Amino acid sequence: MPSDQSSGMHQCQQAPGNQLMSETPEKINLLGLSPAKMEAFFADMGEKKFRAQQMLKWIHQYGEANFDNMTNMGKPLRARMAEVCEIRLPEVIYEDFSKDGTRKWVMRMDGGSAVETVYIPEKDRGTLCVSSQIGCSLDCSFCSTGKQGFNRDLSVAEIIGQVYVAAMSFHAPGERRERRITNVVMMGMGEPLLNFDNVVDAMNLMMDDNAYGLSKRRVTLSTSGVVPMMDKLGDVTDVSLAVSLHAPNDELRNQLVPINKKYPIKELIAATNRYLAKLPDRRKATIEYTMMEGVNDEMEHAEQLSVLMKQVPCKINLIPFNPFPNSGYKRPSNNRVYRFRDYLVNQGHIVTIRSTRGDDIDAACGQLVGKVQDRTRRSERYINAVQIDESSQDNQ
């Protein structure tokens, strides 16, 4: 492919050949076509399969959004594509880089609402945290996104567009994309399994060799426990699985993760085991457990969690709560977190503690807020309730 590629993400937004997502929605946006759908698109144009592979590479490996620069395709084909399709990118309205290497982007999507995407570098990998919805309907009590209510699902282009923006931010214009993103977690704003088809198509793009080429072990879907969709997921893909548990018993989890009232822990554990059993290799689920002071960080909770986690092959990821305004929760002390971890380790579990990253740019997990149009007015009601409760405590 030629070396005079069009610019990367920062310049792409101003380049005349590149369209932002808010423009000309009547054209087919090739950014969001999965490998199978890209092949179908070119077949409909009377072209052969290899054209789909070429296009995937141009978009996802070279960051090219201008058909004129795709010189291994003939001029007549490029002209036809310009008439019926486009490559529309998310509009980056804010970006910031942390001292620890963490990067955060806020991207405006169709309709004007925004989502946030975070890149976290570590010694042996670089992990991208990707959003699947604008807002979230599950209303987990400790999650800042849940306090905003639900706006809408993201399209495939809007999901994979987050990966595109992050991937292209690391290379100079005209260079083949350097693989700095080694892992992707569907763990940003929203519940991925409630946007099932679009998330699956986006993950297929992440794993396709002509796009981002990530290993199925390095693409992880995190769910709060939509049990029927967990079973469906195991029928169509074999990505890694993370489960947002956060409580070791139904009574507490009903308060923290309300979907537990519909799909209690016993059903969630069973669904997790069914998913793992469908995988072609032996893998463990990641169990996410956000620790909140005086809520779920007592030793009795550690004991209950230990018994529960012996029912499923897993590794436990302890996440000290990251405070946000009006949350009503506090981060436990390091000593409490370490004591909790040490008990689980002594019981034979694999346990990690998630280190807080990107504090100086509000990029730590739990601060993925973005601007959403709160159609439920949940945020206002919640803040009022917390303020009333705090006021009553002050008067006691």
Protein backbone atom coordinates (compact mmCIF):
# COMPACT_ATOMS: atom_id res chain seq x y z
CA MET A 1 0.00 0.00 0.00
CA PRO A 2 1.25 3.50 -0.71
CA SER A 3 3.06 5.51 1.90
CA ASP A 4 1.13 8.75 1.38
CA GLN A 5 -1.82 7.69 3.53
CA SER A 6 -4.24 10.30 4.80
CA SER A 7 -3.73 11.47 8.35
CA GLY A 8 -4.45 9.68 11.62
CA MET A 9 -7.29 10.42 13.96
CA HIS A 10 -6.35 13.91 15.10
CA GLN A 11 -5.95 15.17 11.54
CA CYS A 12 -8.68 12.90 10.14
CA GLN A 13 -11.33 15.01 11.75
CA GLN A 14 -10.38 18.06 9.74
CA ALA A 15 -9.45 16.36 6.47
CA PRO A 16 -11.96 17.02 3.67
CA GLY A 17 -12.07 13.35 2.69
CA ASN A 18 -13.08 12.17 6.15
CA GLN A 19 -16.61 12.51 7.46
CA LEU A 20 -17.66 12.80 11.08
CA MET A 21 -20.55 10.67 12.26
CA SER A 22 -23.02 13.52 12.32
CA GLU A 23 -22.93 14.03 8.52
CA THR A 24 -24.70 12.31 5.59
CA PRO A 25 -26.18 9.41 7.56
CA GLU A 26 -27.96 8.09 4.44
CA LYS A 27 -24.73 6.55 3.13
CA ILE A 28 -23.47 3.16 4.32
CA ASN A 29 -20.77 3.65 6.93
CA LEU A 30 -18.08 1.08 6.13
CA LEU A 31 -16.43 1.66 9.50
CA GLY A 32 -19.10 -0.47 11.17
CA LEU A 33 -19.25 -3.41 8.76
CA SER A 34 -18.09 -6.72 10.22
CA PRO A 35 -15.87 -8.90 8.00
CA ALA A 36 -18.88 -10.95 6.83
CA LYS A 37 -20.96 -7.86 6.13
CA MET A 38 -18.06 -6.18 4.32
CA GLU A 39 -17.84 -9.21 2.01
CA ALA A 40 -21.59 -9.04 1.41
CA PHE A 41 -21.31 -5.32 0.62
CA PHE A 42 -18.70 -5.87 -2.08
CA ALA A 43 -20.54 -8.92 -3.42
CA ASP A 44 -23.59 -6.72 -3.93
CA MET A 45 -21.35 -4.38 -5.93
CA GLY A 46 -20.23 -7.28 -8.11
CA GLU A 47 -16.77 -7.39 -6.54
CA LYS A 48 -14.79 -10.32 -5.19
CA LYS A 49 -14.09 -11.19 -1.54
CA PHE A 50 -10.56 -9.84 -1.52
CA ARG A 51 -11.95 -6.31 -1.86
CA ALA A 52 -13.41 -6.68 1.63
CA GLN A 53 -10.00 -7.62 3.00
CA GLN A 54 -8.42 -4.63 1.27
CA MET A 55 -11.03 -2.27 2.69
CA LEU A 56 -10.71 -3.64 6.22
CA LYS A 57 -6.96 -3.07 6.10
CA TRP A 58 -7.30 0.44 4.72
CA ILE A 59 -9.71 1.46 7.46
CA HIS A 60 -8.51 -0.39 10.53
CA GLN A 61 -4.79 -0.87 9.91
CA TYR A 62 -3.92 2.29 7.99
CA GLY A 63 -6.57 4.64 9.34
CA GLU A 64 -7.56 5.67 5.82
CA ALA A 65 -10.96 7.27 5.39
CA ASN A 66 -10.51 8.81 1.93
CA PHE A 67 -11.37 6.52 -1.00
CA ASP A 68 -9.12 8.53 -3.33
CA ASN A 69 -6.07 7.30 -1.44
CA MET A 70 -6.98 3.60 -1.77
CA THR A 71 -4.82 3.16 -4.82
CA ASN A 72 -4.95 -0.64 -5.01
CA MET A 73 -8.60 -0.25 -6.01
CA GLY A 74 -9.44 1.01 -9.48
CA LYS A 75 -10.76 4.53 -10.05
CA PRO A 76 -14.21 3.35 -11.23
CA LEU A 77 -14.68 1.31 -8.04
CA ARG A 78 -13.52 4.19 -5.86
CA ALA A 79 -15.96 6.50 -7.62
CA ARG A 80 -18.85 4.08 -7.07
CA MET A 81 -17.97 3.72 -3.41
CA ALA A 82 -17.90 7.47 -2.93
CA GLU A 83 -21.48 7.61 -4.21
CA VAL A 84 -23.00 4.96 -1.93
CA CYS A 85 -20.81 4.71 1.16
CA GLU A 86 -18.48 6.60 3.44
CA ILE A 87 -16.19 6.15 6.42
CA ARG A 88 -17.62 8.25 9.23
CA LEU A 89 -15.58 8.53 12.40
CA PRO A 90 -16.53 9.52 15.93
CA GLU A 91 -15.82 13.16 16.71
CA VAL A 92 -13.22 13.51 19.44
CA ILE A 93 -14.34 16.46 21.56
CA TYR A 94 -11.89 15.94 24.41
CA GLU A 95 -8.72 13.97 25.02
CA ASP A 96 -6.23 13.90 27.84
CA PHE A 97 -3.11 11.94 28.66
CA SER A 98 -2.24 11.04 32.25
CA LYS A 99 1.22 11.12 33.78
CA ASP A 100 1.04 7.35 34.19
CA GLY A 101 0.40 6.85 30.46
CA THR A 102 -3.37 6.45 30.71
CA ARG A 103 -5.27 8.10 27.87
CA LYS A 104 -8.88 9.23 27.85
CA TRP A 105 -11.11 10.32 24.99
CA VAL A 106 -14.61 11.76 24.99
CA MET A 107 -16.31 11.15 21.63
CA ARG A 108 -19.52 12.71 20.37
CA MET A 109 -21.88 10.30 18.64
CA ASP A 110 -24.93 10.74 16.42
CA GLY A 111 -27.53 12.78 18.27
CA GLY A 112 -24.95 14.81 20.17
CA SER A 113 -24.43 12.57 23.21
CA ALA A 114 -20.95 11.48 24.18
CA VAL A 115 -19.17 8.38 25.48
CA GLU A 116 -15.78 7.93 27.06
CA THR A 117 -12.99 5.52 26.18
CA VAL A 118 -9.90 4.84 28.29
CA TYR A 119 -6.53 3.30 27.40
CA ILE A 120 -4.49 1.84 30.28
CA PRO A 121 -0.86 0.88 29.58
CA GLU A 122 0.93 -1.75 31.65
CA LYS A 123 4.29 -3.46 31.42
CA ASP A 124 3.26 -6.26 29.12
CA ARG A 125 0.04 -4.97 27.60
CA GLY A 126 -2.16 -2.01 26.73
CA THR A 127 -5.84 -2.33 27.59
CA LEU A 128 -8.64 -0.30 26.03
CA CYS A 129 -11.92 0.09 27.93
CA VAL A 130 -14.75 0.48 25.39
CA SER A 131 -18.35 1.66 25.84
CA SER A 132 -21.34 -0.17 24.34
CA GLN A 133 -24.23 2.17 25.19
CA ILE A 134 -24.86 5.82 25.89
CA GLY A 135 -25.82 5.60 29.53
CA CYS A 136 -27.07 2.38 31.12
CA SER A 137 -30.45 1.05 32.21
CA LEU A 138 -29.26 -1.32 34.95
CA ASP A 139 -28.86 1.37 37.65
CA CYS A 140 -26.11 -0.32 39.69
CA SER A 141 -26.02 1.77 42.85
CA PHE A 142 -22.25 2.41 42.87
CA CYS A 143 -21.80 3.18 39.14
CA SER A 144 -21.61 6.76 37.91
CA THR A 145 -22.89 5.80 34.44
CA GLY A 146 -25.99 4.16 35.92
CA LYS A 147 -26.93 7.38 37.66
CA GLN A 148 -27.47 9.05 34.29
CA GLY A 149 -30.09 6.65 33.01
CA PHE A 150 -30.17 5.10 29.56
CA ASN A 151 -30.12 6.98 26.27
CA ARG A 152 -29.51 4.45 23.47
CA ASP A 153 -27.38 1.62 22.12
CA LEU A 154 -24.22 2.41 20.20
CA SER A 155 -23.95 1.24 16.59
CA VAL A 156 -21.16 -1.08 15.44
CA ALA A 157 -19.39 1.92 13.91
CA GLU A 158 -19.63 3.83 17.19
CA ILE A 159 -18.21 0.91 19.16
CA ILE A 160 -15.36 0.02 16.81
CA GLY A 161 -14.80 3.74 16.22
CA GLN A 162 -13.53 3.99 19.79
CA VAL A 163 -10.91 1.33 19.04
CA TYR A 164 -10.04 3.13 15.79
CA VAL A 165 -9.50 6.46 17.55
CA ALA A 166 -7.29 4.94 20.23
CA ALA A 167 -5.30 2.75 17.84
CA MET A 168 -4.61 5.57 15.39
CA SER A 169 -3.53 7.98 18.13
CA PHE A 170 -0.21 6.15 18.45
CA HIS A 171 1.13 6.48 14.93
CA ALA A 172 2.11 9.28 12.59
CA PRO A 173 0.11 9.95 9.42
CA GLY A 174 0.92 7.51 6.64
CA GLU A 175 2.34 4.79 8.86
CA ARG A 176 0.90 1.33 9.34
CA ARG A 177 -0.77 1.12 12.72
CA GLU A 178 1.54 0.09 15.54
CA ARG A 179 -0.06 -2.46 17.84
CA ARG A 180 -0.14 -0.66 21.17
CA ILE A 181 -3.60 -1.96 22.08
CA THR A 182 -3.20 -5.62 23.01
CA ASN A 183 -6.41 -6.06 25.01
CA VAL A 184 -9.95 -4.70 24.73
CA VAL A 185 -12.55 -4.93 27.48
CA MET A 186 -16.21 -4.17 26.83
CA MET A 187 -16.42 -2.57 30.23
CA GLY A 188 -17.12 1.12 29.66
CA MET A 189 -20.53 2.76 29.65
CA GLY A 190 -23.47 0.39 29.26
CA GLU A 191 -24.30 -3.32 29.52
CA PRO A 192 -22.80 -5.01 26.42
CA LEU A 193 -25.24 -7.92 26.38
CA LEU A 194 -28.18 -5.52 26.07
CA ASN A 195 -26.66 -4.34 22.77
CA PHE A 196 -25.91 -7.88 21.69
CA ASP A 197 -25.73 -7.88 17.88
CA ASN A 198 -23.73 -4.66 17.58
CA VAL A 199 -21.27 -5.68 20.29
CA VAL A 200 -20.69 -9.11 18.70
CA ASP A 201 -20.06 -7.55 15.27
CA ALA A 202 -17.65 -5.04 16.81
CA MET A 203 -15.76 -7.77 18.67
CA ASN A 204 -15.49 -9.77 15.44
CA LEU A 205 -13.78 -6.76 13.88
CA MET A 206 -11.41 -6.51 16.83
CA MET A 207 -10.36 -10.14 16.32
CA ASP A 208 -10.16 -10.15 12.51
CA ASP A 209 -6.63 -10.40 11.13
CA ASN A 210 -7.38 -7.77 8.49
CA ALA A 211 -8.56 -5.31 11.15
CA TYR A 212 -7.11 -5.31 14.69
CA GLY A 213 -6.03 -8.95 14.95
CA LEU A 214 -6.61 -9.36 18.68
CA SER A 215 -6.63 -12.82 20.24
CA LYS A 216 -9.99 -14.11 21.50
CA ARG A 217 -8.34 -14.40 24.91
CA ARG A 218 -7.57 -10.68 24.82
CA VAL A 219 -11.06 -9.46 24.02
CA THR A 220 -13.22 -9.53 27.14
CA LEU A 221 -16.91 -8.88 27.55
CA SER A 222 -17.98 -7.76 31.01
CA THR A 223 -21.58 -8.33 32.04
CA SER A 224 -23.68 -7.65 35.11
CA GLY A 225 -25.42 -10.95 34.49
CA VAL A 226 -28.02 -10.95 31.70
CA VAL A 227 -28.28 -14.72 31.90
CA PRO A 228 -30.20 -15.53 28.66
CA MET A 229 -27.80 -13.41 26.61
CA MET A 230 -24.80 -15.07 28.27
CA ASP A 231 -26.07 -18.37 26.89
CA LYS A 232 -26.61 -16.80 23.47
CA LEU A 233 -23.11 -15.29 23.55
CA GLY A 234 -21.56 -18.72 23.99
CA ASP A 235 -23.25 -19.86 20.78
CA VAL A 236 -21.71 -17.14 18.58
CA THR A 237 -18.29 -16.25 19.99
CA ASP A 238 -15.52 -17.39 22.32
CA VAL A 239 -14.21 -14.14 23.76
CA SER A 240 -13.17 -14.01 27.39
CA LEU A 241 -15.82 -13.33 30.03
CA ALA A 242 -15.87 -11.04 33.05
CA VAL A 243 -18.76 -11.00 35.51
CA SER A 244 -19.59 -7.91 37.58
CA LEU A 245 -20.51 -9.65 40.83
CA HIS A 246 -19.76 -7.07 43.58
CA ALA A 247 -21.60 -8.99 46.32
CA PRO A 248 -21.40 -12.55 47.70
CA ASN A 249 -25.10 -12.99 48.51
CA ASP A 250 -28.42 -12.19 46.86
CA GLU A 251 -29.67 -9.83 49.56
CA LEU A 252 -26.73 -7.46 49.14
CA ARG A 253 -26.44 -7.90 45.38
CA ASN A 254 -30.12 -7.00 44.96
CA GLN A 255 -29.22 -3.58 46.39
CA LEU A 256 -25.98 -3.05 44.49
CA VAL A 257 -26.83 -4.71 41.15
CA PRO A 258 -30.64 -4.63 40.72
CA ILE A 259 -30.66 -7.06 37.77
CA ASN A 260 -29.87 -9.69 40.42
CA LYS A 261 -33.56 -9.64 41.37
CA LYS A 262 -34.28 -11.10 37.93
CA TYR A 263 -31.20 -13.33 37.59
CA PRO A 264 -29.92 -14.23 41.09
CA ILE A 265 -26.40 -15.37 41.85
CA LYS A 266 -27.12 -19.10 41.52
CA GLU A 267 -28.38 -18.58 37.96
CA LEU A 268 -25.47 -16.26 37.17
CA ILE A 269 -22.86 -18.80 38.33
CA ALA A 270 -24.58 -21.55 36.34
CA ALA A 271 -24.63 -19.38 33.20
CA THR A 272 -20.94 -18.55 33.67
CA ASN A 273 -20.09 -22.25 33.89
CA ARG A 274 -22.15 -22.97 30.77
CA TYR A 275 -20.30 -20.25 28.86
CA LEU A 276 -16.88 -21.54 29.93
CA ALA A 277 -17.87 -25.09 28.98
CA LYS A 278 -18.54 -23.96 25.39
CA LEU A 279 -15.05 -22.48 24.94
CA PRO A 280 -12.60 -24.54 22.87
CA ASP A 281 -9.88 -24.03 25.47
CA ARG A 282 -9.70 -24.02 29.25
CA ARG A 283 -10.24 -20.50 30.50
CA LYS A 284 -11.28 -18.82 33.72
CA ALA A 285 -13.89 -16.13 34.11
CA THR A 286 -12.84 -12.86 35.72
CA ILE A 287 -15.02 -11.98 38.70
CA GLU A 288 -15.19 -8.22 39.27
CA TYR A 289 -15.77 -7.21 42.88
CA THR A 290 -15.91 -3.48 43.67
CA MET A 291 -15.14 -2.96 47.36
CA MET A 292 -17.03 -0.27 49.27
CA GLU A 293 -16.31 0.64 52.86
CA GLY A 294 -18.75 -0.91 55.31
CA VAL A 295 -20.87 -2.33 52.50
CA ASN A 296 -19.22 -5.45 51.09
CA ASP A 297 -15.69 -5.41 52.52
CA GLU A 298 -16.20 -7.24 55.82
CA MET A 299 -14.54 -10.58 56.52
CA GLU A 300 -17.92 -12.31 56.46
CA HIS A 301 -18.23 -11.15 52.85
CA ALA A 302 -14.80 -12.56 52.06
CA GLU A 303 -15.83 -15.89 53.57
CA GLN A 304 -19.07 -15.98 51.58
CA LEU A 305 -17.27 -14.98 48.39
CA SER A 306 -14.69 -17.72 48.85
CA VAL A 307 -17.35 -20.42 49.14
CA LEU A 308 -19.22 -19.04 46.14
CA MET A 309 -16.18 -18.77 43.88
CA LYS A 310 -15.24 -22.42 44.42
CA GLN A 311 -18.24 -23.19 42.22
CA VAL A 312 -16.73 -21.65 39.07
CA PRO A 313 -13.23 -21.56 37.47
CA CYS A 314 -12.27 -17.94 38.00
CA LYS A 315 -9.83 -15.28 39.04
CA ILE A 316 -11.11 -12.55 41.35
CA ASN A 317 -10.39 -8.91 40.60
CA LEU A 318 -10.87 -6.68 43.65
CA ILE A 319 -11.62 -3.07 42.73
CA PRO A 320 -11.41 -0.45 45.48
CA PHE A 321 -14.36 1.87 44.92
CA ASN A 322 -13.53 5.05 43.02
CA PRO A 323 -15.61 7.86 44.54
CA PHE A 324 -17.70 10.20 42.41
CA PRO A 325 -19.98 13.07 43.49
CA ASN A 326 -23.14 12.05 45.37
CA SER A 327 -22.32 8.34 45.18
CA GLY A 328 -23.01 7.73 48.87
CA TYR A 329 -20.12 5.20 49.01
CA LYS A 330 -16.52 5.37 50.21
CA ARG A 331 -13.31 3.61 49.22
CA PRO A 332 -12.11 1.16 51.90
CA SER A 333 -8.66 1.52 53.43
CA ASN A 334 -5.78 -0.34 51.84
CA ASN A 335 -5.50 -2.49 54.96
CA ARG A 336 -9.10 -3.69 54.57
CA VAL A 337 -8.53 -4.46 50.89
CA TYR A 338 -5.33 -6.37 51.61
CA ARG A 339 -6.92 -8.33 54.46
CA PHE A 340 -9.82 -9.26 52.16
CA ARG A 341 -7.41 -10.35 49.44
CA ASP A 342 -5.16 -12.31 51.79
CA TYR A 343 -8.10 -14.34 53.10
CA LEU A 344 -9.16 -15.28 49.56
CA VAL A 345 -5.60 -16.17 48.55
CA ASN A 346 -5.21 -18.36 51.63
CA GLN A 347 -8.37 -20.16 50.55
CA GLY A 348 -6.71 -21.02 47.25
CA HIS A 349 -8.17 -18.34 44.96
CA ILE A 350 -6.33 -16.32 42.30
CA VAL A 351 -6.80 -12.69 43.33
CA THR A 352 -5.66 -9.37 41.91
CA ILE A 353 -6.27 -5.82 43.11
CA ARG A 354 -6.98 -3.33 40.37
CA SER A 355 -4.71 -0.35 40.77
CA THR A 356 -6.32 3.03 40.24
CA ARG A 357 -5.08 4.62 37.03
CA GLY A 358 -5.55 8.01 35.41
CA ASP A 359 -6.75 9.79 38.55
CA ASP A 360 -5.35 13.09 37.30
CA ILE A 361 -7.58 12.95 34.20
CA ASP A 362 -10.69 11.37 35.80
CA ALA A 363 -10.12 8.19 33.81
CA ALA A 364 -10.32 5.62 36.56
CA CYS A 365 -13.08 3.03 36.31
CA GLY A 366 -16.28 4.46 37.74
CA GLN A 367 -15.66 7.89 36.28
CA LEU A 368 -16.78 6.99 32.76
CA VAL A 369 -19.51 9.54 32.77
CA GLY A 370 -19.84 11.38 29.44
CA LYS A 371 -22.72 13.64 28.55
CA VAL A 372 -25.94 11.70 28.17
CA GLN A 373 -29.48 12.89 27.82
CA ASP A 374 -31.08 11.44 30.94
CA ARG A 375 -34.52 10.48 29.72
CA THR A 376 -35.41 8.90 33.06
CA ARG A 377 -34.41 11.83 35.30
CA ARG A 378 -32.79 9.18 37.48
CA SER A 379 -29.73 11.29 38.20
CA GLU A 380 -31.74 14.16 39.67
CA ARG A 381 -33.82 11.85 41.84
CA TYR A 382 -30.75 10.01 43.09
CA ILE A 383 -28.81 13.15 44.03
CA ASN A 384 -31.83 14.51 45.89
CA ALA A 385 -32.21 11.25 47.81
CA VAL A 386 -28.54 11.20 48.84
CA GLN A 387 -28.63 14.82 49.95
CA ILE A 388 -31.77 14.22 52.03
CA ASP A 389 -30.18 11.15 53.64
CA GLU A 390 -26.94 13.01 54.43
CA SER A 391 -28.92 15.92 55.85
CA SER A 392 -30.87 13.63 58.17
CA GLN A 393 -27.62 12.02 59.40
CA ASP A 394 -26.14 15.45 60.13
CA ASN A 395 -29.15 16.33 62.26
CA GLN A 396 -28.91 13.19 64.39
